[in-house]
Amino acid sequence: MVEASQKRHPKALYLICSVDLWERFSYHGMRAMLVLFLISSLDAQGFAWSKEEAVKLYGTYVALIYL
């Protein structure tokens, strides 16, 4: 029979999963905030770009990430 200690996952696996979870959360959150920052007005410390320009930069950024 297999011992109980051999049935459990290594403790480091939980750390790796939690780090990966927060990395993905921050990446996807940053993508949304990038477009919102670019289209916000200069008074709100943004770049005041049009939606088309901001989405074009967003698309380029995502394409380069996946490339």
PDB file of N, CA and C in Angstrom:
ATOM      1  N   MET A   1       0.830  -1.178   0.000  1.00  0.00           N
ATOM      2  CA  MET A   1       0.000   0.000   0.000  1.00  0.00           C
ATOM      3  C   MET A   1       0.881   1.250   0.000  1.00  0.00           C
ATOM      4  N   VAL A   2       0.425   2.309  -0.661  1.00  0.00           N
ATOM      5  CA  VAL A   2       1.185   3.547  -0.768  1.00  0.00           C
ATOM      6  C   VAL A   2       1.019   4.345   0.521  1.00  0.00           C
ATOM      7  N   GLU A   3       2.135   4.874   1.015  1.00  0.00           N
ATOM      8  CA  GLU A   3       2.079   5.678   2.230  1.00  0.00           C
ATOM      9  C   GLU A   3       1.369   6.999   1.975  1.00  0.00           C
ATOM     10  N   ALA A   4       0.817   7.578   3.032  1.00  0.00           N
ATOM     11  CA  ALA A   4       0.072   8.831   2.909  1.00  0.00           C
ATOM     12  C   ALA A   4       0.966   9.973   2.454  1.00  0.00           C
ATOM     13  N   SER A   5       2.234   9.972   2.859  1.00  0.00           N
ATOM     14  CA  SER A   5       3.130  11.064   2.473  1.00  0.00           C
ATOM     15  C   SER A   5       3.442  11.036   0.982  1.00  0.00           C
ATOM     16  N   GLN A   6       3.323   9.894   0.344  1.00  0.00           N
ATOM     17  CA  GLN A   6       3.596   9.800  -1.083  1.00  0.00           C
ATOM     18  C   GLN A   6       2.407  10.231  -1.933  1.00  0.00           C
ATOM     19  N   LYS A   7       1.235  10.350  -1.353  1.00  0.00           N
ATOM     20  CA  LYS A   7       0.047  10.749  -2.096  1.00  0.00           C
ATOM     21  C   LYS A   7      -0.075  12.265  -2.211  1.00  0.00           C
ATOM     22  N   ARG A   8       0.635  13.017  -1.396  1.00  0.00           N
ATOM     23  CA  ARG A   8       0.502  14.469  -1.368  1.00  0.00           C
ATOM     24  C   ARG A   8       1.418  15.122  -2.393  1.00  0.00           C
ATOM     25  N   HIS A   9       1.019  16.307  -2.826  1.00  0.00           N
ATOM     26  CA  HIS A   9       1.853  17.091  -3.740  1.00  0.00           C
ATOM     27  C   HIS A   9       2.989  17.738  -2.955  1.00  0.00           C
ATOM     28  N   PRO A  10       4.094  18.021  -3.617  1.00  0.00           N
ATOM     29  CA  PRO A  10       5.183  18.733  -2.943  1.00  0.00           C
ATOM     30  C   PRO A  10       4.730  20.130  -2.511  1.00  0.00           C
ATOM     31  N   LYS A  11       5.263  20.620  -1.409  1.00  0.00           N
ATOM     32  CA  LYS A  11       4.871  21.931  -0.891  1.00  0.00           C
ATOM     33  C   LYS A  11       5.212  23.050  -1.875  1.00  0.00           C
ATOM     34  N   ALA A  12       6.281  22.898  -2.617  1.00  0.00           N
ATOM     35  CA  ALA A  12       6.684  23.938  -3.566  1.00  0.00           C
ATOM     36  C   ALA A  12       5.687  24.089  -4.710  1.00  0.00           C
ATOM     37  N   LEU A  13       4.914  23.052  -4.986  1.00  0.00           N
ATOM     38  CA  LEU A  13       3.932  23.135  -6.055  1.00  0.00           C
ATOM     39  C   LEU A  13       2.878  24.185  -5.754  1.00  0.00           C
ATOM     40  N   TYR A  14       2.474  24.302  -4.496  1.00  0.00           N
ATOM     41  CA  TYR A  14       1.495  25.316  -4.112  1.00  0.00           C
ATOM     42  C   TYR A  14       2.071  26.723  -4.289  1.00  0.00           C
ATOM     43  N   LEU A  15       3.326  26.899  -3.992  1.00  0.00           N
ATOM     44  CA  LEU A  15       3.975  28.186  -4.193  1.00  0.00           C
ATOM     45  C   LEU A  15       4.040  28.533  -5.677  1.00  0.00           C
ATOM     46  N   ILE A  16       4.416  27.577  -6.490  1.00  0.00           N
ATOM     47  CA  ILE A  16       4.514  27.806  -7.930  1.00  0.00           C
ATOM     48  C   ILE A  16       3.151  28.162  -8.511  1.00  0.00           C
ATOM     49  N   CYS A  17       2.113  27.463  -8.083  1.00  0.00           N
ATOM     50  CA  CYS A  17       0.760  27.746  -8.590  1.00  0.00           C
ATOM     51  C   CYS A  17       0.281  29.123  -8.162  1.00  0.00           C
ATOM     52  N   SER A  18       0.563  29.514  -6.935  1.00  0.00           N
ATOM     53  CA  SER A  18       0.115  30.827  -6.482  1.00  0.00           C
ATOM     54  C   SER A  18       0.886  31.954  -7.181  1.00  0.00           C
ATOM     55  N   VAL A  19       2.170  31.768  -7.412  1.00  0.00           N
ATOM     56  CA  VAL A  19       2.953  32.774  -8.137  1.00  0.00           C
ATOM     57  C   VAL A  19       2.444  32.897  -9.572  1.00  0.00           C
ATOM     58  N   ASP A  20       2.151  31.778 -10.211  1.00  0.00           N
ATOM     59  CA  ASP A  20       1.637  31.797 -11.573  1.00  0.00           C
ATOM     60  C   ASP A  20       0.269  32.471 -11.630  1.00  0.00           C
ATOM     61  N   LEU A  21      -0.573  32.213 -10.655  1.00  0.00           N
ATOM     62  CA  LEU A  21      -1.888  32.838 -10.591  1.00  0.00           C
ATOM     63  C   LEU A  21      -1.767  34.357 -10.518  1.00  0.00           C
ATOM     64  N   TRP A  22      -0.928  34.867  -9.634  1.00  0.00           N
ATOM     65  CA  TRP A  22      -0.784  36.318  -9.489  1.00  0.00           C
ATOM     66  C   TRP A  22      -0.093  36.940 -10.690  1.00  0.00           C
ATOM     67  N   GLU A  23       0.812  36.209 -11.333  1.00  0.00           N
ATOM     68  CA  GLU A  23       1.466  36.723 -12.532  1.00  0.00           C
ATOM     69  C   GLU A  23       0.448  36.902 -13.647  1.00  0.00           C
ATOM     70  N   ARG A  24      -0.410  35.928 -13.842  1.00  0.00           N
ATOM     71  CA  ARG A  24      -1.446  36.031 -14.883  1.00  0.00           C
ATOM     72  C   ARG A  24      -2.453  37.119 -14.554  1.00  0.00           C
ATOM     73  N   PHE A  25      -2.843  37.220 -13.290  1.00  0.00           N
ATOM     74  CA  PHE A  25      -3.784  38.246 -12.858  1.00  0.00           C
ATOM     75  C   PHE A  25      -3.219  39.639 -13.131  1.00  0.00           C
ATOM     76  N   SER A  26      -1.957  39.849 -12.799  1.00  0.00           N
ATOM     77  CA  SER A  26      -1.358  41.171 -13.008  1.00  0.00           C
ATOM     78  C   SER A  26      -1.176  41.469 -14.491  1.00  0.00           C
ATOM     79  N   TYR A  27      -0.839  40.471 -15.290  1.00  0.00           N
ATOM     80  CA  TYR A  27      -0.663  40.683 -16.735  1.00  0.00           C
ATOM     81  C   TYR A  27      -1.981  41.089 -17.381  1.00  0.00           C
ATOM     82  N   HIS A  28      -3.047  40.351 -17.118  1.00  0.00           N
ATOM     83  CA  HIS A  28      -4.331  40.659 -17.743  1.00  0.00           C
ATOM     84  C   HIS A  28      -4.913  41.968 -17.205  1.00  0.00           C
ATOM     85  N   GLY A  29      -4.712  42.253 -15.936  1.00  0.00           N
ATOM     86  CA  GLY A  29      -5.153  43.522 -15.385  1.00  0.00           C
ATOM     87  C   GLY A  29      -4.405  44.696 -15.977  1.00  0.00           C
ATOM     88  N   MET A  30      -3.110  44.526 -16.203  1.00  0.00           N
ATOM     89  CA  MET A  30      -2.299  45.591 -16.774  1.00  0.00           C
ATOM     90  C   MET A  30      -2.720  45.869 -18.214  1.00  0.00           C
ATOM     91  N   ARG A  31      -3.106  44.852 -18.955  1.00  0.00           N
ATOM     92  CA  ARG A  31      -3.547  45.069 -20.337  1.00  0.00           C
ATOM     93  C   ARG A  31      -4.768  45.970 -20.377  1.00  0.00           C
ATOM     94  N   ALA A  32      -5.710  45.735 -19.493  1.00  0.00           N
ATOM     95  CA  ALA A  32      -6.917  46.568 -19.464  1.00  0.00           C
ATOM     96  C   ALA A  32      -6.577  47.983 -19.029  1.00  0.00           C
ATOM     97  N   MET A  33      -5.722  48.128 -18.030  1.00  0.00           N
ATOM     98  CA  MET A  33      -5.367  49.455 -17.546  1.00  0.00           C
ATOM     99  C   MET A  33      -4.560  50.236 -18.576  1.00  0.00           C
ATOM    100  N   LEU A  34      -3.805  49.567 -19.422  1.00  0.00           N
ATOM    101  CA  LEU A  34      -3.024  50.244 -20.454  1.00  0.00           C
ATOM    102  C   LEU A  34      -3.929  51.025 -21.392  1.00  0.00           C
ATOM    103  N   VAL A  35      -4.976  50.397 -21.887  1.00  0.00           N
ATOM    104  CA  VAL A  35      -5.890  51.081 -22.804  1.00  0.00           C
ATOM    105  C   VAL A  35      -6.610  52.215 -22.083  1.00  0.00           C
ATOM    106  N   LEU A  36      -7.055  51.988 -20.863  1.00  0.00           N
ATOM    107  CA  LEU A  36      -7.733  53.046 -20.120  1.00  0.00           C
ATOM    108  C   LEU A  36      -6.808  54.233 -19.865  1.00  0.00           C
ATOM    109  N   PHE A  37      -5.556  53.972 -19.600  1.00  0.00           N
ATOM    110  CA  PHE A  37      -4.578  55.045 -19.391  1.00  0.00           C
ATOM    111  C   PHE A  37      -4.340  55.826 -20.676  1.00  0.00           C
ATOM    112  N   LEU A  38      -4.224  55.136 -21.782  1.00  0.00           N
ATOM    113  CA  LEU A  38      -3.924  55.807 -23.039  1.00  0.00           C
ATOM    114  C   LEU A  38      -5.069  56.689 -23.518  1.00  0.00           C
ATOM    115  N   ILE A  39      -6.307  56.296 -23.264  1.00  0.00           N
ATOM    116  CA  ILE A  39      -7.436  57.089 -23.763  1.00  0.00           C
ATOM    117  C   ILE A  39      -7.897  58.153 -22.767  1.00  0.00           C
ATOM    118  N   SER A  40      -7.372  58.130 -21.541  1.00  0.00           N
ATOM    119  CA  SER A  40      -7.787  59.163 -20.582  1.00  0.00           C
ATOM    120  C   SER A  40      -7.182  60.509 -20.977  1.00  0.00           C
ATOM    121  N   SER A  41      -7.819  61.571 -20.537  1.00  0.00           N
ATOM    122  CA  SER A  41      -7.419  62.919 -20.949  1.00  0.00           C
ATOM    123  C   SER A  41      -6.086  63.327 -20.328  1.00  0.00           C
ATOM    124  N   LEU A  42      -5.510  64.370 -20.877  1.00  0.00           N
ATOM    125  CA  LEU A  42      -4.253  64.885 -20.342  1.00  0.00           C
ATOM    126  C   LEU A  42      -4.436  65.426 -18.926  1.00  0.00           C
ATOM    127  N   ASP A  43      -5.621  65.969 -18.638  1.00  0.00           N
ATOM    128  CA  ASP A  43      -5.902  66.458 -17.289  1.00  0.00           C
ATOM    129  C   ASP A  43      -5.864  65.336 -16.259  1.00  0.00           C
ATOM    130  N   ALA A  44      -6.227  64.142 -16.702  1.00  0.00           N
ATOM    131  CA  ALA A  44      -6.222  62.978 -15.809  1.00  0.00           C
ATOM    132  C   ALA A  44      -4.890  62.222 -15.878  1.00  0.00           C
ATOM    133  N   GLN A  45      -3.849  62.896 -16.363  1.00  0.00           N
ATOM    134  CA  GLN A  45      -2.489  62.335 -16.480  1.00  0.00           C
ATOM    135  C   GLN A  45      -2.406  61.205 -17.501  1.00  0.00           C
ATOM    136  N   GLY A  46      -3.318  61.166 -18.455  1.00  0.00           N
ATOM    137  CA  GLY A  46      -3.266  60.152 -19.504  1.00  0.00           C
ATOM    138  C   GLY A  46      -2.587  60.695 -20.749  1.00  0.00           C
ATOM    139  N   PHE A  47      -2.666  59.952 -21.829  1.00  0.00           N
ATOM    140  CA  PHE A  47      -2.039  60.369 -23.084  1.00  0.00           C
ATOM    141  C   PHE A  47      -3.034  60.995 -24.057  1.00  0.00           C
ATOM    142  N   ALA A  48      -4.334  60.877 -23.778  1.00  0.00           N
ATOM    143  CA  ALA A  48      -5.404  61.445 -24.612  1.00  0.00           C
ATOM    144  C   ALA A  48      -5.354  60.916 -26.045  1.00  0.00           C
ATOM    145  N   TRP A  49      -5.050  59.636 -26.214  1.00  0.00           N
ATOM    146  CA  TRP A  49      -5.074  59.018 -27.529  1.00  0.00           C
ATOM    147  C   TRP A  49      -6.505  58.679 -27.896  1.00  0.00           C
ATOM    148  N   SER A  50      -6.744  58.482 -29.189  1.00  0.00           N
ATOM    149  CA  SER A  50      -8.057  57.998 -29.614  1.00  0.00           C
ATOM    150  C   SER A  50      -8.146  56.505 -29.276  1.00  0.00           C
ATOM    151  N   LYS A  51      -9.375  56.002 -29.249  1.00  0.00           N
ATOM    152  CA  LYS A  51      -9.553  54.572 -28.946  1.00  0.00           C
ATOM    153  C   LYS A  51      -8.865  53.701 -29.992  1.00  0.00           C
ATOM    154  N   GLU A  52      -8.911  54.126 -31.240  1.00  0.00           N
ATOM    155  CA  GLU A  52      -8.298  53.345 -32.318  1.00  0.00           C
ATOM    156  C   GLU A  52      -6.782  53.223 -32.131  1.00  0.00           C
ATOM    157  N   GLU A  53      -6.137  54.351 -31.779  1.00  0.00           N
ATOM    158  CA  GLU A  53      -4.684  54.313 -31.548  1.00  0.00           C
ATOM    159  C   GLU A  53      -4.341  53.448 -30.346  1.00  0.00           C
ATOM    160  N   ALA A  54      -5.122  53.571 -29.276  1.00  0.00           N
ATOM    161  CA  ALA A  54      -4.843  52.803 -28.062  1.00  0.00           C
ATOM    162  C   ALA A  54      -5.024  51.309 -28.301  1.00  0.00           C
ATOM    163  N   VAL A  55      -6.068  50.940 -29.021  1.00  0.00           N
ATOM    164  CA  VAL A  55      -6.321  49.521 -29.294  1.00  0.00           C
ATOM    165  C   VAL A  55      -5.267  48.967 -30.255  1.00  0.00           C
ATOM    166  N   LYS A  56      -4.778  49.812 -31.167  1.00  0.00           N
ATOM    167  CA  LYS A  56      -3.720  49.375 -32.079  1.00  0.00           C
ATOM    168  C   LYS A  56      -2.430  49.066 -31.301  1.00  0.00           C
ATOM    169  N   LEU A  57      -2.079  49.936 -30.357  1.00  0.00           N
ATOM    170  CA  LEU A  57      -0.904  49.679 -29.520  1.00  0.00           C
ATOM    171  C   LEU A  57      -1.116  48.441 -28.652  1.00  0.00           C
ATOM    172  N   TYR A  58      -2.313  48.301 -28.103  1.00  0.00           N
ATOM    173  CA  TYR A  58      -2.656  47.127 -27.293  1.00  0.00           C
ATOM    174  C   TYR A  58      -2.512  45.846 -28.118  1.00  0.00           C
ATOM    175  N   GLY A  59      -3.014  45.864 -29.347  1.00  0.00           N
ATOM    176  CA  GLY A  59      -2.904  44.690 -30.221  1.00  0.00           C
ATOM    177  C   GLY A  59      -1.461  44.357 -30.550  1.00  0.00           C
ATOM    178  N   THR A  60      -0.662  45.380 -30.796  1.00  0.00           N
ATOM    179  CA  THR A  60       0.759  45.159 -31.065  1.00  0.00           C
ATOM    180  C   THR A  60       1.460  44.560 -29.858  1.00  0.00           C
ATOM    181  N   TYR A  61       1.148  45.086 -28.683  1.00  0.00           N
ATOM    182  CA  TYR A  61       1.746  44.585 -27.443  1.00  0.00           C
ATOM    183  C   TYR A  61       1.395  43.107 -27.224  1.00  0.00           C
ATOM    184  N   VAL A  62       0.130  42.773 -27.387  1.00  0.00           N
ATOM    185  CA  VAL A  62      -0.297  41.381 -27.182  1.00  0.00           C
ATOM    186  C   VAL A  62       0.320  40.460 -28.220  1.00  0.00           C
ATOM    187  N   ALA A  63       0.397  40.930 -29.469  1.00  0.00           N
ATOM    188  CA  ALA A  63       1.001  40.114 -30.517  1.00  0.00           C
ATOM    189  C   ALA A  63       2.474  39.835 -30.228  1.00  0.00           C
ATOM    190  N   LEU A  64       3.195  40.842 -29.756  1.00  0.00           N
ATOM    191  CA  LEU A  64       4.602  40.645 -29.439  1.00  0.00           C
ATOM    192  C   LEU A  64       4.787  39.709 -28.231  1.00  0.00           C
ATOM    193  N   ILE A  65       3.872  39.792 -27.271  1.00  0.00           N
ATOM    194  CA  ILE A  65       3.949  38.895 -26.113  1.00  0.00           C
ATOM    195  C   ILE A  65       3.805  37.442 -26.574  1.00  0.00           C
ATOM    196  N   TYR A  66       2.819  37.175 -27.439  1.00  0.00           N
ATOM    197  CA  TYR A  66       2.583  35.808 -27.886  1.00  0.00           C
ATOM    198  C   TYR A  66       3.581  35.343 -28.921  1.00  0.00           C
ATOM    199  N   LEU A  67       4.264  36.290 -29.568  1.00  0.00           N
ATOM    200  CA  LEU A  67       5.261  35.927 -30.563  1.00  0.00           C
ATOM    201  C   LEU A  67       6.456  35.326 -29.861  1.00  0.00           C
TER     202      LEU A  67
END
